[in-house]
Amino acid sequence: MKCDQPSFICLAGLLLLLANAAPGAGAQDAAVTAPRLVTAETRSNPQALAELQKPGKIFFEDDFESDASLKNYFEIRGLKQGNAKRTTDAMLAHTGTGAMQLTAVAREGKESGAGATGWFGPEGRDRVYLRLYIKYASDYDQGNLNHTGGSLAAVAGTDRWAGMGSAGIRPRGDDRFNSRFEPWCDWRKLPPPGYLFLYTYWMEMARDRDGHYWGNMLGPVDSERVVPRRDQWYCLEHMIKANDVGQSNGELAAWIDGKLYIHYQGIRWRSSPDVRLKRFDLGVYIHAAAKDNTVWYDDVALSTGYIGPKGKAEQGSGATGTRAESNK
């Protein structure tokens, strides 16, 4: 399937996944062990929670306070068209005066997007936390399908473009894996932008009924789904810990405003130690763009350990959006 967006933000695959299977599900291969959702256990175990939230070394930060920020990304989709830009309006920033503004412009129902992709390889890392602040415009409404949020991607080798254009194809284990922390409105049952989950590709992911492998939807238990409010800043953070080769001990976790939201264990991300986390992405991508949709990003950071919200007053505040309740 042809897609002019990076593979981890290609929504054509997600459309087919959702049309043929319930969220978070697919036809599991017999030999595949599904990741274990352990959020409740981790929250109730102070030692486990402390280990998961152990601080590390921040190796990348961007507060978008200078035009030099644009040099942090090897690809900025929409920059020439003005759909991706560094705004200097303090009213639009989370802190300071700068933020990254991304707009998926209306295209009469065709796909549309903008974004920025960064590279922190080629040596890569086996455990990375991505923290960002995001705000959806007050009129943000993707219709149904979108890929809007931050992504972490692992690839083998030194090619920063590796793995892009691979939507619908299951990673082999010696090539790539990735996960994006993003929302979905469940076929308009939820208000936009929908509830947050982790859209994920890895070597033991579930197969769709059509025989393809579209990104799996790894989320919280249904009762804990959170729908961000529009026109409000949220601190979103997610972590990938690669497995030891030959073992299913990889992990995936996510936080909203400093509160643990999702934690999965038992993931076999890769079969080769050459596949390491090397790339991240900030984006907005609308599958059927009937109107302009804008988001802002600010205070982005990458670390070897948990980062959390900016400032001690915010740390662990646990502020969230609304619980996901159907409109029907």
Protein backbone atom coordinates (compact mmCIF):
# COMPACT_ATOMS: atom_id res chain seq x y z
CA MET A 1 0.00 0.00 0.00
CA LYS A 2 1.41 3.38 -1.04
CA CYS A 3 1.56 6.05 1.65
CA ASP A 4 3.35 9.40 1.38
CA GLN A 5 3.71 9.69 5.16
CA PRO A 6 6.19 7.87 7.45
CA SER A 7 4.93 4.36 8.17
CA PHE A 8 4.20 5.10 11.81
CA ILE A 9 1.77 7.86 10.90
CA CYS A 10 0.07 6.25 7.91
CA LEU A 11 -3.65 6.13 8.58
CA ALA A 12 -4.77 4.14 5.59
CA GLY A 13 -3.74 1.05 7.52
CA LEU A 14 -5.56 2.13 10.64
CA LEU A 15 -8.75 2.60 8.65
CA LEU A 16 -8.73 -1.04 7.59
CA LEU A 17 -7.78 -2.24 11.05
CA LEU A 18 -10.72 -0.48 12.64
CA ALA A 19 -13.12 -1.55 9.92
CA ASN A 20 -12.32 -5.21 10.45
CA ALA A 21 -11.57 -5.57 14.14
CA ALA A 22 -12.45 -4.15 17.52
CA PRO A 23 -9.98 -1.64 19.05
CA GLY A 24 -6.96 -3.33 20.55
CA ALA A 25 -7.76 -6.59 18.83
CA GLY A 26 -6.91 -8.52 15.72
CA ALA A 27 -6.68 -12.15 14.73
CA GLN A 28 -3.86 -13.31 16.97
CA ASP A 29 -1.32 -15.69 15.50
CA ALA A 30 -1.28 -18.95 17.45
CA ALA A 31 2.39 -18.64 18.43
CA VAL A 32 2.14 -15.03 19.56
CA THR A 33 1.93 -14.04 23.21
CA ALA A 34 0.01 -10.80 23.66
CA PRO A 35 1.52 -8.02 25.81
CA ARG A 36 0.30 -8.00 29.42
CA LEU A 37 -1.50 -4.89 30.69
CA VAL A 38 -0.07 -4.39 34.19
CA THR A 39 -0.99 -0.77 34.93
CA ALA A 40 -2.99 -1.51 38.08
CA GLU A 41 -0.30 -3.81 39.46
CA THR A 42 2.42 -1.24 38.86
CA ARG A 43 0.44 1.56 40.47
CA SER A 44 -0.18 -0.55 43.57
CA ASN A 45 3.46 -1.58 43.91
CA PRO A 46 5.56 1.39 45.12
CA GLN A 47 8.82 -0.33 44.24
CA ALA A 48 7.71 -1.20 40.71
CA LEU A 49 6.32 2.30 40.15
CA ALA A 50 9.52 3.89 41.44
CA GLU A 51 11.58 1.72 39.10
CA LEU A 52 9.41 2.62 36.11
CA GLN A 53 9.58 6.32 37.02
CA LYS A 54 13.26 6.38 37.89
CA PRO A 55 14.83 9.53 36.41
CA GLY A 56 17.53 9.18 33.79
CA LYS A 57 19.69 11.40 31.63
CA ILE A 58 17.95 13.87 29.34
CA PHE A 59 19.74 13.81 25.99
CA PHE A 60 17.45 16.06 23.94
CA GLU A 61 15.32 19.11 24.76
CA ASP A 62 13.43 21.59 22.62
CA ASP A 63 11.33 24.45 23.96
CA PHE A 64 11.00 26.11 20.53
CA GLU A 65 12.29 29.43 21.82
CA SER A 66 14.61 29.89 18.83
CA ASP A 67 14.54 29.27 15.10
CA ALA A 68 17.50 26.98 15.76
CA SER A 69 14.88 24.45 16.89
CA LEU A 70 14.07 23.74 13.26
CA LYS A 71 17.55 22.29 12.81
CA ASN A 72 16.77 19.57 15.38
CA TYR A 73 14.68 17.67 12.83
CA PHE A 74 15.89 16.02 9.64
CA GLU A 75 12.42 16.26 8.11
CA ILE A 76 9.75 18.90 8.69
CA ARG A 77 6.65 18.12 6.69
CA GLY A 78 4.75 21.25 5.66
CA LEU A 79 7.51 23.75 6.47
CA LYS A 80 7.67 25.28 3.00
CA GLN A 81 3.89 25.53 2.82
CA GLY A 82 3.63 27.18 6.25
CA ASN A 83 1.70 24.23 7.70
CA ALA A 84 4.58 23.54 10.08
CA LYS A 85 6.16 26.51 11.79
CA ARG A 86 7.61 27.85 15.01
CA THR A 87 5.06 30.27 16.40
CA THR A 88 6.29 33.16 18.56
CA ASP A 89 2.93 34.00 20.08
CA ALA A 90 3.22 33.54 23.85
CA MET A 91 -0.52 32.92 24.02
CA LEU A 92 -0.03 29.78 21.96
CA ALA A 93 3.03 28.47 23.83
CA HIS A 94 3.08 26.25 26.91
CA THR A 95 6.07 28.09 28.36
CA GLY A 96 8.01 31.06 27.02
CA THR A 97 6.99 32.50 23.68
CA GLY A 98 7.67 29.65 21.23
CA ALA A 99 5.91 26.44 20.21
CA MET A 100 5.73 24.17 17.17
CA GLN A 101 2.46 24.73 15.29
CA LEU A 102 1.34 21.96 12.94
CA THR A 103 -1.72 22.13 10.70
CA ALA A 104 -3.32 19.44 8.59
CA VAL A 105 -5.06 21.64 6.02
CA ALA A 106 -8.43 20.85 4.48
CA ARG A 107 -8.11 18.78 1.30
CA GLU A 108 -11.71 17.99 0.36
CA GLY A 109 -11.68 14.75 2.33
CA LYS A 110 -8.22 13.61 1.23
CA GLU A 111 -5.37 12.80 3.62
CA SER A 112 -3.44 15.74 5.03
CA GLY A 113 -0.69 16.24 7.57
CA ALA A 114 2.37 18.04 8.90
CA GLY A 115 5.10 17.06 11.30
CA ALA A 116 8.72 17.00 12.39
CA THR A 117 10.97 13.93 12.61
CA GLY A 118 14.18 13.80 14.62
CA TRP A 119 17.08 11.32 14.73
CA PHE A 120 19.14 10.47 17.80
CA GLY A 121 21.05 7.52 16.30
CA PRO A 122 22.88 5.83 14.75
CA GLU A 123 24.08 4.10 17.92
CA GLY A 124 20.56 4.16 19.32
CA ARG A 125 19.27 3.29 22.77
CA ASP A 126 17.39 0.37 24.30
CA ARG A 127 15.19 2.45 26.59
CA VAL A 128 13.83 5.92 25.81
CA TYR A 129 11.21 8.22 27.33
CA LEU A 130 9.59 10.90 25.16
CA ARG A 131 7.91 13.77 27.02
CA LEU A 132 5.99 16.50 25.23
CA TYR A 133 3.25 19.04 25.77
CA ILE A 134 0.43 19.10 23.25
CA LYS A 135 -2.63 21.28 22.74
CA TYR A 136 -5.43 20.62 20.27
CA ALA A 137 -7.09 23.67 18.71
CA SER A 138 -10.51 24.58 20.11
CA ASP A 139 -12.12 23.45 16.84
CA TYR A 140 -9.99 20.34 16.34
CA ASP A 141 -12.14 17.67 14.73
CA GLN A 142 -10.47 14.93 12.70
CA GLY A 143 -13.76 13.42 11.57
CA ASN A 144 -12.74 9.98 12.75
CA LEU A 145 -9.23 8.86 11.97
CA ASN A 146 -6.01 10.68 12.76
CA HIS A 147 -2.43 10.12 13.85
CA THR A 148 -1.66 13.04 16.13
CA GLY A 149 0.93 12.76 18.89
CA GLY A 150 4.52 11.80 19.58
CA SER A 151 6.17 8.64 18.29
CA LEU A 152 9.29 6.64 19.14
CA ALA A 153 10.77 4.34 16.50
CA ALA A 154 13.53 1.74 16.53
CA VAL A 155 15.37 0.64 13.40
CA ALA A 156 18.46 -1.37 12.48
CA GLY A 157 21.41 0.29 10.80
CA THR A 158 22.23 3.91 10.12
CA ASP A 159 19.51 4.95 7.68
CA ARG A 160 17.34 7.55 9.39
CA TRP A 161 14.57 6.90 6.84
CA ALA A 162 14.53 3.15 7.50
CA GLY A 163 11.13 1.55 8.03
CA MET A 164 9.11 4.43 6.61
CA GLY A 165 6.44 3.39 4.13
CA SER A 166 5.88 0.01 5.83
CA ALA A 167 2.27 0.39 6.94
CA GLY A 168 0.40 -2.91 6.96
CA ILE A 169 3.58 -4.98 7.20
CA ARG A 170 4.60 -6.70 10.43
CA PRO A 171 8.20 -6.00 11.47
CA ARG A 172 10.45 -9.04 11.10
CA GLY A 173 12.28 -8.45 14.35
CA ASP A 174 15.60 -7.55 12.79
CA ASP A 175 14.34 -4.35 11.16
CA ARG A 176 12.10 -2.04 13.21
CA PHE A 177 9.39 -1.37 15.81
CA ASN A 178 7.56 1.79 16.92
CA SER A 179 4.74 3.25 19.00
CA ARG A 180 2.82 6.54 18.92
CA PHE A 181 0.80 8.01 21.83
CA GLU A 182 -2.32 9.27 20.04
CA PRO A 183 -6.13 9.64 20.23
CA TRP A 184 -9.08 8.00 18.43
CA CYS A 185 -12.76 8.98 18.66
CA ASP A 186 -14.19 5.47 18.12
CA TRP A 187 -16.18 6.19 14.98
CA ARG A 188 -17.48 9.51 16.39
CA LYS A 189 -18.83 7.93 19.56
CA LEU A 190 -16.44 10.13 21.55
CA PRO A 191 -15.85 13.89 21.27
CA PRO A 192 -12.71 14.86 19.34
CA PRO A 193 -9.89 14.15 19.56
CA GLY A 194 -10.97 10.88 21.24
CA TYR A 195 -9.33 8.71 23.86
CA LEU A 196 -5.56 8.23 24.13
CA PHE A 197 -3.84 4.91 23.39
CA LEU A 198 -0.57 3.57 21.95
CA TYR A 199 -0.61 2.75 18.21
CA THR A 200 2.09 0.11 17.95
CA TYR A 201 4.06 -2.03 15.47
CA TRP A 202 6.33 -4.89 16.58
CA MET A 203 7.36 -8.38 15.52
CA GLU A 204 4.60 -10.22 17.43
CA MET A 205 1.77 -7.82 16.78
CA ALA A 206 -1.73 -9.09 16.03
CA ARG A 207 -2.75 -9.68 12.44
CA ASP A 208 -5.88 -8.13 10.98
CA ARG A 209 -8.60 -10.25 9.40
CA ASP A 210 -7.59 -8.99 5.95
CA GLY A 211 -4.17 -10.61 6.37
CA HIS A 212 -2.26 -7.37 6.89
CA TYR A 213 -0.65 -6.06 10.06
CA TRP A 214 -1.96 -2.61 10.87
CA GLY A 215 -0.75 -0.88 14.02
CA ASN A 216 -2.22 -2.49 17.14
CA MET A 217 -4.14 -0.33 19.59
CA LEU A 218 -2.62 -0.84 23.05
CA GLY A 219 -4.66 1.13 25.53
CA PRO A 220 -5.83 1.21 29.15
CA VAL A 221 -8.82 -0.69 30.49
CA ASP A 222 -12.01 0.76 29.02
CA SER A 223 -13.08 2.44 32.26
CA GLU A 224 -9.84 4.46 32.39
CA ARG A 225 -9.80 5.83 28.86
CA VAL A 226 -9.08 9.58 28.87
CA VAL A 227 -10.29 12.08 26.25
CA PRO A 228 -8.17 15.26 26.24
CA ARG A 229 -10.05 18.54 26.22
CA ARG A 230 -9.37 20.81 23.29
CA ASP A 231 -7.63 24.17 23.80
CA GLN A 232 -5.80 22.84 26.87
CA TRP A 233 -2.17 21.80 27.30
CA TYR A 234 -1.41 18.21 28.31
CA CYS A 235 1.85 16.63 29.32
CA LEU A 236 2.10 13.32 27.49
CA GLU A 237 4.99 10.95 28.03
CA HIS A 238 5.62 7.44 26.82
CA MET A 239 8.42 4.95 27.15
CA ILE A 240 9.69 1.97 25.22
CA LYS A 241 12.07 -0.54 26.76
CA ALA A 242 13.46 -2.99 24.22
CA ASN A 243 13.57 -6.66 25.12
CA ASP A 244 16.70 -8.72 25.56
CA VAL A 245 17.11 -10.77 22.40
CA GLY A 246 15.46 -14.16 22.83
CA GLN A 247 13.25 -12.96 25.67
CA SER A 248 9.80 -11.34 25.93
CA ASN A 249 10.76 -8.79 28.57
CA GLY A 250 10.16 -5.56 26.67
CA GLU A 251 7.90 -2.85 28.08
CA LEU A 252 5.69 0.03 26.95
CA ALA A 253 4.26 2.72 29.22
CA ALA A 254 2.50 6.08 29.02
CA TRP A 255 1.64 8.94 31.38
CA ILE A 256 -0.82 11.84 31.24
CA ASP A 257 0.15 14.88 33.32
CA GLY A 258 2.44 12.79 35.49
CA LYS A 259 -0.02 9.97 36.21
CA LEU A 260 0.70 6.48 34.92
CA TYR A 261 -1.95 5.75 32.30
CA ILE A 262 -0.75 2.60 30.52
CA HIS A 263 1.86 -0.04 31.32
CA TYR A 264 2.45 -3.17 29.27
CA GLN A 265 5.02 -5.90 29.86
CA GLY A 266 5.96 -9.13 28.10
CA ILE A 267 6.72 -7.62 24.70
CA ARG A 268 9.22 -9.17 22.27
CA TRP A 269 10.02 -6.06 20.29
CA ARG A 270 13.00 -7.45 18.36
CA SER A 271 15.08 -10.48 17.47
CA SER A 272 18.32 -8.59 16.80
CA PRO A 273 20.29 -6.28 19.11
CA ASP A 274 20.92 -4.01 16.11
CA VAL A 275 17.32 -2.77 16.31
CA ARG A 276 17.49 0.14 18.73
CA LEU A 277 15.49 3.31 19.37
CA LYS A 278 16.86 6.04 17.11
CA ARG A 279 14.02 8.25 15.89
CA PHE A 280 11.11 10.33 17.19
CA ASP A 281 8.28 12.21 15.54
CA LEU A 282 5.80 14.99 16.33
CA GLY A 283 2.87 15.18 13.99
CA VAL A 284 -0.70 15.71 12.91
CA TYR A 285 -2.16 13.51 10.19
CA ILE A 286 -5.82 13.41 9.21
CA HIS A 287 -7.08 10.58 7.04
CA ALA A 288 -9.97 12.52 5.49
CA ALA A 289 -9.30 16.25 5.95
CA ALA A 290 -12.56 18.15 5.54
CA LYS A 291 -11.27 21.17 7.53
CA ASP A 292 -8.05 22.62 8.87
CA ASN A 293 -6.89 20.95 12.09
CA THR A 294 -4.12 22.48 14.19
CA VAL A 295 -2.10 21.25 17.16
CA TRP A 296 0.77 22.80 19.10
CA TYR A 297 3.79 21.07 20.64
CA ASP A 298 6.12 22.49 23.26
CA ASP A 299 8.72 21.49 25.86
CA VAL A 300 9.77 18.27 24.16
CA ALA A 301 12.39 16.08 25.82
CA LEU A 302 14.02 12.67 25.39
CA SER A 303 15.62 10.80 28.26
CA THR A 304 16.98 7.46 29.37
CA GLY A 305 14.60 7.63 32.34
CA TYR A 306 11.30 9.14 33.42
CA ILE A 307 10.98 12.90 32.90
CA GLY A 308 7.55 13.96 34.16
CA PRO A 309 5.85 17.36 33.88
CA LYS A 310 7.86 20.57 33.99
CA GLY A 311 8.28 22.14 37.39
CA LYS A 312 7.90 20.66 40.87
CA ALA A 313 4.39 22.09 41.23
CA GLU A 314 3.23 20.04 38.28
CA GLN A 315 5.13 16.83 39.03
CA GLY A 316 2.72 13.96 39.52
CA SER A 317 -0.34 16.21 39.59
CA GLY A 318 -2.33 13.59 37.71
CA ALA A 319 -4.61 16.14 36.01
CA THR A 320 -6.42 14.53 33.09
CA GLY A 321 -9.15 15.12 30.57
CA THR A 322 -12.61 13.63 30.66
CA ARG A 323 -13.33 9.94 30.93
CA ALA A 324 -14.25 8.37 27.63
CA GLU A 325 -18.02 8.09 27.54
CA SER A 326 -19.86 7.26 24.34
CA ASN A 327 -22.04 9.91 22.68
CA LYS A 328 -24.43 7.11 21.71
